[in-house]
PDB file of N, CA and C in Angstrom:
ATOM      1  N   MET A   1       2.865 -28.144 -19.376  1.00  0.00           N
ATOM      2  CA  MET A   1       2.740 -26.820 -18.803  1.00  0.00           C
ATOM      3  C   MET A   1       2.773 -26.960 -17.281  1.00  0.00           C
ATOM      4  N   GLY A   2       3.910 -26.626 -16.702  1.00  0.00           N
ATOM      5  CA  GLY A   2       4.085 -26.805 -15.268  1.00  0.00           C
ATOM      6  C   GLY A   2       3.639 -25.590 -14.479  1.00  0.00           C
ATOM      7  N   PRO A   3       3.798 -25.682 -13.165  1.00  0.00           N
ATOM      8  CA  PRO A   3       3.397 -24.567 -12.310  1.00  0.00           C
ATOM      9  C   PRO A   3       4.241 -23.313 -12.527  1.00  0.00           C
ATOM     10  N   GLN A   4       5.442 -23.469 -13.118  1.00  0.00           N
ATOM     11  CA  GLN A   4       6.276 -22.300 -13.380  1.00  0.00           C
ATOM     12  C   GLN A   4       5.629 -21.365 -14.392  1.00  0.00           C
ATOM     13  N   VAL A   5       4.830 -21.923 -15.297  1.00  0.00           N
ATOM     14  CA  VAL A   5       4.178 -21.127 -16.327  1.00  0.00           C
ATOM     15  C   VAL A   5       2.800 -20.656 -15.857  1.00  0.00           C
ATOM     16  N   LEU A   6       2.133 -21.445 -15.032  1.00  0.00           N
ATOM     17  CA  LEU A   6       0.779 -21.113 -14.617  1.00  0.00           C
ATOM     18  C   LEU A   6       0.725 -19.898 -13.681  1.00  0.00           C
ATOM     19  N   VAL A   7       1.726 -19.744 -12.849  1.00  0.00           N
ATOM     20  CA  VAL A   7       1.705 -18.630 -11.895  1.00  0.00           C
ATOM     21  C   VAL A   7       1.765 -17.277 -12.618  1.00  0.00           C
ATOM     22  N   PRO A   8       2.724 -17.038 -13.540  1.00  0.00           N
ATOM     23  CA  PRO A   8       2.715 -15.748 -14.231  1.00  0.00           C
ATOM     24  C   PRO A   8       1.474 -15.547 -15.106  1.00  0.00           C
ATOM     25  N   LEU A   9       0.994 -16.611 -15.736  1.00  0.00           N
ATOM     26  CA  LEU A   9      -0.209 -16.494 -16.557  1.00  0.00           C
ATOM     27  C   LEU A   9      -1.427 -16.134 -15.717  1.00  0.00           C
ATOM     28  N   SER A  10      -1.566 -16.766 -14.567  1.00  0.00           N
ATOM     29  CA  SER A  10      -2.720 -16.459 -13.718  1.00  0.00           C
ATOM     30  C   SER A  10      -2.598 -15.056 -13.130  1.00  0.00           C
ATOM     31  N   LEU A  11      -1.392 -14.603 -12.818  1.00  0.00           N
ATOM     32  CA  LEU A  11      -1.199 -13.241 -12.323  1.00  0.00           C
ATOM     33  C   LEU A  11      -1.583 -12.225 -13.398  1.00  0.00           C
ATOM     34  N   PHE A  12      -1.136 -12.463 -14.623  1.00  0.00           N
ATOM     35  CA  PHE A  12      -1.493 -11.574 -15.728  1.00  0.00           C
ATOM     36  C   PHE A  12      -2.992 -11.578 -15.964  1.00  0.00           C
ATOM     37  N   ALA A  13      -3.626 -12.745 -15.924  1.00  0.00           N
ATOM     38  CA  ALA A  13      -5.072 -12.844 -16.134  1.00  0.00           C
ATOM     39  C   ALA A  13      -5.825 -12.108 -15.030  1.00  0.00           C
ATOM     40  N   MET A  14      -5.343 -12.202 -13.789  1.00  0.00           N
ATOM     41  CA  MET A  14      -5.995 -11.527 -12.683  1.00  0.00           C
ATOM     42  C   MET A  14      -5.902 -10.004 -12.841  1.00  0.00           C
ATOM     43  N   ILE A  15      -4.726  -9.500 -13.180  1.00  0.00           N
ATOM     44  CA  ILE A  15      -4.551  -8.061 -13.369  1.00  0.00           C
ATOM     45  C   ILE A  15      -5.405  -7.571 -14.532  1.00  0.00           C
ATOM     46  N   PHE A  16      -5.422  -8.316 -15.635  1.00  0.00           N
ATOM     47  CA  PHE A  16      -6.250  -7.945 -16.778  1.00  0.00           C
ATOM     48  C   PHE A  16      -7.725  -7.930 -16.396  1.00  0.00           C
ATOM     49  N   GLY A  17      -8.174  -8.922 -15.637  1.00  0.00           N
ATOM     50  CA  GLY A  17      -9.568  -8.990 -15.230  1.00  0.00           C
ATOM     51  C   GLY A  17      -9.968  -7.820 -14.346  1.00  0.00           C
ATOM     52  N   ILE A  18      -9.104  -7.435 -13.416  1.00  0.00           N
ATOM     53  CA  ILE A  18      -9.404  -6.303 -12.539  1.00  0.00           C
ATOM     54  C   ILE A  18      -9.503  -5.015 -13.342  1.00  0.00           C
ATOM     55  N   VAL A  19      -8.544  -4.775 -14.231  1.00  0.00           N
ATOM     56  CA  VAL A  19      -8.571  -3.560 -15.046  1.00  0.00           C
ATOM     57  C   VAL A  19      -9.794  -3.549 -15.947  1.00  0.00           C
ATOM     58  N   TYR A  20     -10.132  -4.682 -16.538  1.00  0.00           N
ATOM     59  CA  TYR A  20     -11.313  -4.766 -17.409  1.00  0.00           C
ATOM     60  C   TYR A  20     -12.589  -4.463 -16.630  1.00  0.00           C
ATOM     61  N   LEU A  21     -12.716  -5.021 -15.430  1.00  0.00           N
ATOM     62  CA  LEU A  21     -13.907  -4.760 -14.621  1.00  0.00           C
ATOM     63  C   LEU A  21     -14.016  -3.291 -14.230  1.00  0.00           C
ATOM     64  N   ILE A  22     -12.904  -2.667 -13.895  1.00  0.00           N
ATOM     65  CA  ILE A  22     -12.930  -1.255 -13.517  1.00  0.00           C
ATOM     66  C   ILE A  22     -13.424  -0.412 -14.683  1.00  0.00           C
ATOM     67  N   TYR A  23     -12.842  -0.613 -15.864  1.00  0.00           N
ATOM     68  CA  TYR A  23     -13.229   0.207 -17.014  1.00  0.00           C
ATOM     69  C   TYR A  23     -14.640  -0.092 -17.505  1.00  0.00           C
ATOM     70  N   SER A  24     -15.030  -1.347 -17.513  1.00  0.00           N
ATOM     71  CA  SER A  24     -16.378  -1.660 -17.998  1.00  0.00           C
ATOM     72  C   SER A  24     -17.437  -1.151 -17.018  1.00  0.00           C
ATOM     73  N   THR A  25     -17.180  -1.245 -15.721  1.00  0.00           N
ATOM     74  CA  THR A  25     -18.130  -0.726 -14.740  1.00  0.00           C
ATOM     75  C   THR A  25     -18.229   0.783 -14.826  1.00  0.00           C
ATOM     76  N   ARG A  26     -17.103   1.442 -14.984  1.00  0.00           N
ATOM     77  CA  ARG A  26     -17.117   2.901 -15.104  1.00  0.00           C
ATOM     78  C   ARG A  26     -17.883   3.332 -16.352  1.00  0.00           C
ATOM     79  N   ASN A  27     -17.680   2.604 -17.445  1.00  0.00           N
ATOM     80  CA  ASN A  27     -18.380   2.927 -18.686  1.00  0.00           C
ATOM     81  C   ASN A  27     -19.886   2.738 -18.519  1.00  0.00           C
ATOM     82  N   ARG A  28     -20.306   1.648 -17.866  1.00  0.00           N
ATOM     83  CA  ARG A  28     -21.733   1.405 -17.652  1.00  0.00           C
ATOM     84  C   ARG A  28     -22.354   2.481 -16.758  1.00  0.00           C
ATOM     85  N   GLU A  29     -21.630   2.890 -15.725  1.00  0.00           N
ATOM     86  CA  GLU A  29     -22.140   3.946 -14.846  1.00  0.00           C
ATOM     87  C   GLU A  29     -22.323   5.251 -15.613  1.00  0.00           C
ATOM     88  N   ARG A  30     -21.357   5.589 -16.438  1.00  0.00           N
ATOM     89  CA  ARG A  30     -21.450   6.828 -17.210  1.00  0.00           C
ATOM     90  C   ARG A  30     -22.598   6.777 -18.213  1.00  0.00           C
ATOM     91  N   LEU A  31     -22.766   5.637 -18.872  1.00  0.00           N
ATOM     92  CA  LEU A  31     -23.868   5.505 -19.823  1.00  0.00           C
ATOM     93  C   LEU A  31     -25.223   5.612 -19.120  1.00  0.00           C
ATOM     94  N   ALA A  32     -25.333   5.028 -17.927  1.00  0.00           N
ATOM     95  CA  ALA A  32     -26.590   5.109 -17.188  1.00  0.00           C
ATOM     96  C   ALA A  32     -26.878   6.552 -16.779  1.00  0.00           C
ATOM     97  N   LEU A  33     -25.855   7.297 -16.369  1.00  0.00           N
ATOM     98  CA  LEU A  33     -26.055   8.693 -15.995  1.00  0.00           C
ATOM     99  C   LEU A  33     -26.433   9.543 -17.196  1.00  0.00           C
ATOM    100  N   ILE A  34     -25.816   9.273 -18.341  1.00  0.00           N
ATOM    101  CA  ILE A  34     -26.128  10.035 -19.553  1.00  0.00           C
ATOM    102  C   ILE A  34     -27.558   9.745 -19.997  1.00  0.00           C
ATOM    103  N   GLU A  35     -28.003   8.477 -19.877  1.00  0.00           N
ATOM    104  CA  GLU A  35     -29.369   8.135 -20.241  1.00  0.00           C
ATOM    105  C   GLU A  35     -30.386   8.863 -19.369  1.00  0.00           C
ATOM    106  N   LYS A  36     -30.013   9.120 -18.109  1.00  0.00           N
ATOM    107  CA  LYS A  36     -30.920   9.836 -17.208  1.00  0.00           C
ATOM    108  C   LYS A  36     -30.897  11.335 -17.459  1.00  0.00           C
ATOM    109  N   GLY A  37     -29.988  11.799 -18.283  1.00  0.00           N
ATOM    110  CA  GLY A  37     -29.933  13.208 -18.624  1.00  0.00           C
ATOM    111  C   GLY A  37     -29.056  14.038 -17.702  1.00  0.00           C
ATOM    112  N   VAL A  38     -28.155  13.404 -16.954  1.00  0.00           N
ATOM    113  CA  VAL A  38     -27.252  14.126 -16.062  1.00  0.00           C
ATOM    114  C   VAL A  38     -26.176  14.798 -16.902  1.00  0.00           C
ATOM    115  N   ASP A  39     -25.766  16.001 -16.487  1.00  0.00           N
ATOM    116  CA  ASP A  39     -24.748  16.750 -17.216  1.00  0.00           C
ATOM    117  C   ASP A  39     -23.416  15.999 -17.185  1.00  0.00           C
ATOM    118  N   ALA A  40     -22.719  15.966 -18.307  1.00  0.00           N
ATOM    119  CA  ALA A  40     -21.456  15.224 -18.402  1.00  0.00           C
ATOM    120  C   ALA A  40     -20.312  15.898 -17.669  1.00  0.00           C
ATOM    121  N   SER A  41     -20.502  17.108 -17.173  1.00  0.00           N
ATOM    122  CA  SER A  41     -19.407  17.806 -16.491  1.00  0.00           C
ATOM    123  C   SER A  41     -19.064  17.165 -15.157  1.00  0.00           C
ATOM    124  N   ILE A  42     -19.919  16.283 -14.615  1.00  0.00           N
ATOM    125  CA  ILE A  42     -19.594  15.641 -13.343  1.00  0.00           C
ATOM    126  C   ILE A  42     -18.412  14.684 -13.479  1.00  0.00           C
ATOM    127  N   PHE A  43     -18.123  14.256 -14.716  1.00  0.00           N
ATOM    128  CA  PHE A  43     -16.992  13.362 -14.918  1.00  0.00           C
ATOM    129  C   PHE A  43     -15.665  14.096 -14.836  1.00  0.00           C
ATOM    130  N   LEU A  44     -15.674  15.392 -14.969  1.00  0.00           N
ATOM    131  CA  LEU A  44     -14.442  16.172 -14.969  1.00  0.00           C
ATOM    132  C   LEU A  44     -14.137  16.800 -13.612  1.00  0.00           C
ATOM    133  N   ASN A  45     -14.986  16.615 -12.612  1.00  0.00           N
ATOM    134  CA  ASN A  45     -14.773  17.232 -11.309  1.00  0.00           C
ATOM    135  C   ASN A  45     -13.490  16.758 -10.647  1.00  0.00           C
ATOM    136  N   GLY A  46     -13.175  15.479 -10.727  1.00  0.00           N
ATOM    137  CA  GLY A  46     -11.990  14.942 -10.073  1.00  0.00           C
ATOM    138  C   GLY A  46     -10.705  15.270 -10.795  1.00  0.00           C
ATOM    139  N   ARG A  47     -10.773  15.717 -12.040  1.00  0.00           N
ATOM    140  CA  ARG A  47      -9.571  15.942 -12.825  1.00  0.00           C
ATOM    141  C   ARG A  47      -9.049  17.367 -12.722  1.00  0.00           C
ATOM    142  N   SER A  48      -9.730  18.226 -12.012  1.00  0.00           N
ATOM    143  CA  SER A  48      -9.291  19.615 -11.942  1.00  0.00           C
ATOM    144  C   SER A  48      -7.991  19.761 -11.167  1.00  0.00           C
ATOM    145  N   LYS A  49      -7.718  18.856 -10.238  1.00  0.00           N
ATOM    146  CA  LYS A  49      -6.507  18.938  -9.442  1.00  0.00           C
ATOM    147  C   LYS A  49      -5.581  17.766  -9.746  1.00  0.00           C
ATOM    148  N   GLY A  50      -5.420  17.428 -11.010  1.00  0.00           N
ATOM    149  CA  GLY A  50      -4.609  16.277 -11.382  1.00  0.00           C
ATOM    150  C   GLY A  50      -3.139  16.457 -11.080  1.00  0.00           C
ATOM    151  N   GLY A  51      -2.646  17.689 -11.121  1.00  0.00           N
ATOM    152  CA  GLY A  51      -1.232  17.923 -10.857  1.00  0.00           C
ATOM    153  C   GLY A  51      -0.874  17.711  -9.405  1.00  0.00           C
ATOM    154  N   SER A  52      -1.794  18.008  -8.494  1.00  0.00           N
ATOM    155  CA  SER A  52      -1.474  17.883  -7.077  1.00  0.00           C
ATOM    156  C   SER A  52      -1.365  16.428  -6.643  1.00  0.00           C
ATOM    157  N   VAL A  53      -2.029  15.518  -7.346  1.00  0.00           N
ATOM    158  CA  VAL A  53      -1.935  14.107  -6.984  1.00  0.00           C
ATOM    159  C   VAL A  53      -0.501  13.625  -7.151  1.00  0.00           C
ATOM    160  N   TRP A  54       0.151  14.028  -8.236  1.00  0.00           N
ATOM    161  CA  TRP A  54       1.528  13.619  -8.452  1.00  0.00           C
ATOM    162  C   TRP A  54       2.468  14.274  -7.450  1.00  0.00           C
ATOM    163  N   LYS A  55       2.182  15.529  -7.094  1.00  0.00           N
ATOM    164  CA  LYS A  55       3.007  16.191  -6.074  1.00  0.00           C
ATOM    165  C   LYS A  55       2.919  15.445  -4.751  1.00  0.00           C
ATOM    166  N   ILE A  56       1.722  15.083  -4.366  1.00  0.00           N
ATOM    167  CA  ILE A  56       1.531  14.374  -3.104  1.00  0.00           C
ATOM    168  C   ILE A  56       2.209  13.017  -3.148  1.00  0.00           C
ATOM    169  N   PHE A  57       2.082  12.310  -4.268  1.00  0.00           N
ATOM    170  CA  PHE A  57       2.736  11.003  -4.405  1.00  0.00           C
ATOM    171  C   PHE A  57       4.249  11.131  -4.311  1.00  0.00           C
ATOM    172  N   VAL A  58       4.814  12.113  -4.988  1.00  0.00           N
ATOM    173  CA  VAL A  58       6.263  12.292  -4.981  1.00  0.00           C
ATOM    174  C   VAL A  58       6.755  12.688  -3.591  1.00  0.00           C
ATOM    175  N   VAL A  59       6.010  13.572  -2.915  1.00  0.00           N
ATOM    176  CA  VAL A  59       6.411  13.978  -1.566  1.00  0.00           C
ATOM    177  C   VAL A  59       6.378  12.788  -0.617  1.00  0.00           C
ATOM    178  N   ASN A  60       5.310  11.988  -0.674  1.00  0.00           N
ATOM    179  CA  ASN A  60       5.226  10.818   0.203  1.00  0.00           C
ATOM    180  C   ASN A  60       6.307   9.796  -0.113  1.00  0.00           C
ATOM    181  N   LEU A  61       6.576   9.570  -1.392  1.00  0.00           N
ATOM    182  CA  LEU A  61       7.629   8.630  -1.771  1.00  0.00           C
ATOM    183  C   LEU A  61       8.994   9.121  -1.315  1.00  0.00           C
ATOM    184  N   ALA A  62       9.234  10.432  -1.457  1.00  0.00           N
ATOM    185  CA  ALA A  62      10.518  10.990  -1.033  1.00  0.00           C
ATOM    186  C   ALA A  62      10.719  10.820   0.468  1.00  0.00           C
ATOM    187  N   PHE A  63       9.697  11.133   1.254  1.00  0.00           N
ATOM    188  CA  PHE A  63       9.842  10.980   2.702  1.00  0.00           C
ATOM    189  C   PHE A  63       9.943   9.517   3.106  1.00  0.00           C
ATOM    190  N   LEU A  64       9.282   8.616   2.381  1.00  0.00           N
ATOM    191  CA  LEU A  64       9.415   7.191   2.658  1.00  0.00           C
ATOM    192  C   LEU A  64      10.842   6.727   2.421  1.00  0.00           C
ATOM    193  N   LEU A  65      11.423   7.137   1.296  1.00  0.00           N
ATOM    194  CA  LEU A  65      12.797   6.727   0.988  1.00  0.00           C
ATOM    195  C   LEU A  65      13.802   7.366   1.942  1.00  0.00           C
ATOM    196  N   ILE A  66      13.572   8.625   2.305  1.00  0.00           N
ATOM    197  CA  ILE A  66      14.457   9.276   3.281  1.00  0.00           C
ATOM    198  C   ILE A  66      14.375   8.552   4.622  1.00  0.00           C
ATOM    199  N   GLY A  67      13.157   8.230   5.051  1.00  0.00           N
ATOM    200  CA  GLY A  67      12.992   7.512   6.313  1.00  0.00           C
ATOM    201  C   GLY A  67      13.640   6.142   6.282  1.00  0.00           C
ATOM    202  N   SER A  68      13.530   5.439   5.163  1.00  0.00           N
ATOM    203  CA  SER A  68      14.167   4.120   5.049  1.00  0.00           C
ATOM    204  C   SER A  68      15.679   4.244   5.090  1.00  0.00           C
ATOM    205  N   GLY A  69      16.224   5.244   4.402  1.00  0.00           N
ATOM    206  CA  GLY A  69      17.672   5.450   4.420  1.00  0.00           C
ATOM    207  C   GLY A  69      18.184   5.797   5.802  1.00  0.00           C
ATOM    208  N   VAL A  70      17.486   6.671   6.497  1.00  0.00           N
ATOM    209  CA  VAL A  70      17.877   7.022   7.863  1.00  0.00           C
ATOM    210  C   VAL A  70      17.750   5.798   8.767  1.00  0.00           C
ATOM    211  N   GLY A  71      16.717   4.978   8.537  1.00  0.00           N
ATOM    212  CA  GLY A  71      16.549   3.763   9.329  1.00  0.00           C
ATOM    213  C   GLY A  71      17.694   2.787   9.132  1.00  0.00           C
ATOM    214  N   ILE A  72      18.146   2.615   7.900  1.00  0.00           N
ATOM    215  CA  ILE A  72      19.288   1.726   7.630  1.00  0.00           C
ATOM    216  C   ILE A  72      20.539   2.261   8.316  1.00  0.00           C
ATOM    217  N   PHE A  73      20.745   3.569   8.224  1.00  0.00           N
ATOM    218  CA  PHE A  73      21.913   4.184   8.857  1.00  0.00           C
ATOM    219  C   PHE A  73      21.864   4.032  10.384  1.00  0.00           C
ATOM    220  N   LEU A  74      20.703   4.291  10.974  1.00  0.00           N
ATOM    221  CA  LEU A  74      20.581   4.139  12.428  1.00  0.00           C
ATOM    222  C   LEU A  74      20.759   2.684  12.860  1.00  0.00           C
ATOM    223  N   ALA A  75      20.220   1.754  12.086  1.00  0.00           N
ATOM    224  CA  ALA A  75      20.394   0.340  12.413  1.00  0.00           C
ATOM    225  C   ALA A  75      21.861  -0.059  12.338  1.00  0.00           C
ATOM    226  N   LEU A  76      22.570   0.473  11.354  1.00  0.00           N
ATOM    227  CA  LEU A  76      24.004   0.201  11.257  1.00  0.00           C
ATOM    228  C   LEU A  76      24.741   0.743  12.474  1.00  0.00           C
ATOM    229  N   LEU A  77      24.408   1.956  12.888  1.00  0.00           N
ATOM    230  CA  LEU A  77      25.042   2.533  14.074  1.00  0.00           C
ATOM    231  C   LEU A  77      24.718   1.730  15.333  1.00  0.00           C
ATOM    232  N   ILE A  78      23.466   1.325  15.474  1.00  0.00           N
ATOM    233  CA  ILE A  78      23.056   0.575  16.663  1.00  0.00           C
ATOM    234  C   ILE A  78      23.759  -0.772  16.727  1.00  0.00           C
ATOM    235  N   THR A  79      23.816  -1.484  15.590  1.00  0.00           N
ATOM    236  CA  THR A  79      24.456  -2.804  15.607  1.00  0.00           C
ATOM    237  C   THR A  79      25.967  -2.704  15.734  1.00  0.00           C
ATOM    238  N   THR A  80      26.555  -1.591  15.297  1.00  0.00           N
ATOM    239  CA  THR A  80      28.007  -1.432  15.418  1.00  0.00           C
ATOM    240  C   THR A  80      28.408  -1.168  16.863  1.00  0.00           C
ATOM    241  N   TYR A  81      27.659  -0.347  17.561  1.00  0.00           N
ATOM    242  CA  TYR A  81      28.085   0.085  18.895  1.00  0.00           C
ATOM    243  C   TYR A  81      27.362  -0.625  20.034  1.00  0.00           C
ATOM    244  N   THR A  82      26.476  -1.553  19.723  1.00  0.00           N
ATOM    245  CA  THR A  82      25.837  -2.360  20.767  1.00  0.00           C
ATOM    246  C   THR A  82      25.950  -3.825  20.389  1.00  0.00           C
ATOM    247  N   SER A  83      25.521  -4.678  21.295  1.00  0.00           N
ATOM    248  CA  SER A  83      25.588  -6.118  21.016  1.00  0.00           C
ATOM    249  C   SER A  83      24.207  -6.677  20.679  1.00  0.00           C
ATOM    250  N   LEU A  84      23.335  -5.835  20.131  1.00  0.00           N
ATOM    251  CA  LEU A  84      22.004  -6.290  19.752  1.00  0.00           C
ATOM    252  C   LEU A  84      22.063  -7.149  18.490  1.00  0.00           C
ATOM    253  N   ASN A  85      21.046  -7.977  18.298  1.00  0.00           N
ATOM    254  CA  ASN A  85      20.980  -8.897  17.168  1.00  0.00           C
ATOM    255  C   ASN A  85      20.648  -8.141  15.873  1.00  0.00           C
ATOM    256  N   ASN A  86      21.456  -8.363  14.827  1.00  0.00           N
ATOM    257  CA  ASN A  86      21.224  -7.706  13.532  1.00  0.00           C
ATOM    258  C   ASN A  86      19.852  -8.038  12.969  1.00  0.00           C
ATOM    259  N   GLY A  87      19.407  -9.278  13.121  1.00  0.00           N
ATOM    260  CA  GLY A  87      18.150  -9.725  12.537  1.00  0.00           C
ATOM    261  C   GLY A  87      16.942  -9.025  13.112  1.00  0.00           C
ATOM    262  N   ALA A  88      17.058  -8.507  14.319  1.00  0.00           N
ATOM    263  CA  ALA A  88      15.923  -7.816  14.935  1.00  0.00           C
ATOM    264  C   ALA A  88      16.022  -6.306  14.774  1.00  0.00           C
ATOM    265  N   VAL A  89      17.235  -5.779  14.768  1.00  0.00           N
ATOM    266  CA  VAL A  89      17.411  -4.327  14.753  1.00  0.00           C
ATOM    267  C   VAL A  89      17.090  -3.741  13.380  1.00  0.00           C
ATOM    268  N   TYR A  90      17.630  -4.326  12.322  1.00  0.00           N
ATOM    269  CA  TYR A  90      17.462  -3.747  10.986  1.00  0.00           C
ATOM    270  C   TYR A  90      15.993  -3.597  10.569  1.00  0.00           C
ATOM    271  N   PRO A  91      15.197  -4.673  10.573  1.00  0.00           N
ATOM    272  CA  PRO A  91      13.804  -4.486  10.137  1.00  0.00           C
ATOM    273  C   PRO A  91      13.019  -3.526  11.028  1.00  0.00           C
ATOM    274  N   SER A  92      13.229  -3.619  12.337  1.00  0.00           N
ATOM    275  CA  SER A  92      12.437  -2.772  13.229  1.00  0.00           C
ATOM    276  C   SER A  92      12.762  -1.298  13.044  1.00  0.00           C
ATOM    277  N   ILE A  93      14.028  -0.939  12.979  1.00  0.00           N
ATOM    278  CA  ILE A  93      14.399   0.465  12.819  1.00  0.00           C
ATOM    279  C   ILE A  93      13.992   0.973  11.435  1.00  0.00           C
ATOM    280  N   ILE A  94      14.153   0.152  10.407  1.00  0.00           N
ATOM    281  CA  ILE A  94      13.771   0.578   9.054  1.00  0.00           C
ATOM    282  C   ILE A  94      12.268   0.837   8.989  1.00  0.00           C
ATOM    283  N   PHE A  95      11.458  -0.063   9.559  1.00  0.00           N
ATOM    284  CA  PHE A  95      10.003   0.133   9.525  1.00  0.00           C
ATOM    285  C   PHE A  95       9.583   1.327  10.372  1.00  0.00           C
ATOM    286  N   ILE A  96      10.214   1.516  11.511  1.00  0.00           N
ATOM    287  CA  ILE A  96       9.872   2.669  12.352  1.00  0.00           C
ATOM    288  C   ILE A  96      10.183   3.967  11.627  1.00  0.00           C
ATOM    289  N   MET A  97      11.364   4.058  11.045  1.00  0.00           N
ATOM    290  CA  MET A  97      11.754   5.293  10.371  1.00  0.00           C
ATOM    291  C   MET A  97      10.946   5.508   9.089  1.00  0.00           C
ATOM    292  N   ALA A  98      10.606   4.432   8.372  1.00  0.00           N
ATOM    293  CA  ALA A  98       9.770   4.574   7.178  1.00  0.00           C
ATOM    294  C   ALA A  98       8.375   5.057   7.571  1.00  0.00           C
ATOM    295  N   GLY A  99       7.849   4.557   8.686  1.00  0.00           N
ATOM    296  CA  GLY A  99       6.558   5.022   9.168  1.00  0.00           C
ATOM    297  C   GLY A  99       6.594   6.485   9.563  1.00  0.00           C
ATOM    298  N   ILE A 100       7.661   6.901  10.226  1.00  0.00           N
ATOM    299  CA  ILE A 100       7.810   8.312  10.579  1.00  0.00           C
ATOM    300  C   ILE A 100       7.922   9.150   9.311  1.00  0.00           C
ATOM    301  N   GLY A 101       8.655   8.650   8.320  1.00  0.00           N
ATOM    302  CA  GLY A 101       8.775   9.357   7.045  1.00  0.00           C
ATOM    303  C   GLY A 101       7.434   9.515   6.351  1.00  0.00           C
ATOM    304  N   LEU A 102       6.603   8.465   6.371  1.00  0.00           N
ATOM    305  CA  LEU A 102       5.271   8.558   5.763  1.00  0.00           C
ATOM    306  C   LEU A 102       4.378   9.527   6.528  1.00  0.00           C
ATOM    307  N   LEU A 103       4.512   9.547   7.851  1.00  0.00           N
ATOM    308  CA  LEU A 103       3.729  10.486   8.643  1.00  0.00           C
ATOM    309  C   LEU A 103       4.115  11.927   8.331  1.00  0.00           C
ATOM    310  N   VAL A 104       5.408  12.193   8.238  1.00  0.00           N
ATOM    311  CA  VAL A 104       5.871  13.538   7.890  1.00  0.00           C
ATOM    312  C   VAL A 104       5.443  13.889   6.467  1.00  0.00           C
ATOM    313  N   GLY A 105       5.524  12.919   5.555  1.00  0.00           N
ATOM    314  CA  GLY A 105       5.080  13.148   4.183  1.00  0.00           C
ATOM    315  C   GLY A 105       3.595  13.450   4.108  1.00  0.00           C
ATOM    316  N   PHE A 106       2.795  12.763   4.927  1.00  0.00           N
ATOM    317  CA  PHE A 106       1.360  13.021   4.960  1.00  0.00           C
ATOM    318  C   PHE A 106       1.079  14.442   5.435  1.00  0.00           C
ATOM    319  N   LYS A 107       1.760  14.851   6.504  1.00  0.00           N
ATOM    320  CA  LYS A 107       1.555  16.211   7.022  1.00  0.00           C
ATOM    321  C   LYS A 107       2.001  17.246   5.988  1.00  0.00           C
ATOM    322  N   THR A 108       3.115  17.002   5.306  1.00  0.00           N
ATOM    323  CA  THR A 108       3.598  17.929   4.284  1.00  0.00           C
ATOM    324  C   THR A 108       2.635  17.980   3.102  1.00  0.00           C
ATOM    325  N   ALA A 109       2.129  16.824   2.681  1.00  0.00           N
ATOM    326  CA  ALA A 109       1.183  16.784   1.563  1.00  0.00           C
ATOM    327  C   ALA A 109      -0.107  17.494   1.926  1.00  0.00           C
ATOM    328  N   LYS A 110      -0.531  17.374   3.176  1.00  0.00           N
ATOM    329  CA  LYS A 110      -1.738  18.076   3.617  1.00  0.00           C
ATOM    330  C   LYS A 110      -1.517  19.586   3.555  1.00  0.00           C
ATOM    331  N   ASP A 111      -0.327  20.030   3.929  1.00  0.00           N
ATOM    332  CA  ASP A 111      -0.011  21.466   3.819  1.00  0.00           C
ATOM    333  C   ASP A 111       0.047  21.915   2.372  1.00  0.00           C
ATOM    334  N   LEU A 112       0.598  21.077   1.473  1.00  0.00           N
ATOM    335  CA  LEU A 112       0.634  21.398   0.053  1.00  0.00           C
ATOM    336  C   LEU A 112      -0.772  21.500  -0.529  1.00  0.00           C
ATOM    337  N   ASP A 113      -1.645  20.607  -0.074  1.00  0.00           N
ATOM    338  CA  ASP A 113      -3.021  20.608  -0.573  1.00  0.00           C
ATOM    339  C   ASP A 113      -3.772  21.859  -0.113  1.00  0.00           C
ATOM    340  N   LYS A 114      -3.458  22.368   1.083  1.00  0.00           N
ATOM    341  CA  LYS A 114      -4.104  23.575   1.585  1.00  0.00           C
ATOM    342  C   LYS A 114      -3.670  24.797   0.769  1.00  0.00           C
ATOM    343  N   GLU A 115      -2.409  24.813   0.307  1.00  0.00           N
ATOM    344  CA  GLU A 115      -1.891  25.954  -0.435  1.00  0.00           C
ATOM    345  C   GLU A 115      -2.593  26.129  -1.771  1.00  0.00           C
ATOM    346  N   GLU A 116      -3.034  25.034  -2.393  1.00  0.00           N
ATOM    347  CA  GLU A 116      -3.641  25.115  -3.727  1.00  0.00           C
ATOM    348  C   GLU A 116      -5.086  25.465  -3.697  1.00  0.00           C
TER     349      GLU A 116
END
């Protein structure tokens, strides 16, 4: 059993362990609250706006991808019409435009959240 097999196995074990700890801890917290006599409706407070989470995720992902695409296009234009180094222009412009896209997505998601 070489290192080629150990890396995926350890990655799977780590992900399984994290998920197991999250669910077991959440279950223990809920059982402790129920034993104290707390109303079970507190578990449903975060789920009332479940649809907006996906809207916000999709909006942020869309603006991230748009920003990355515009960054690739701008980097292509810059490297075509200037003598700048391709290795420096592409990553920098892509990251700058992706960051701007995430910022615009955040502002848009904040406006969407206010509407609901």
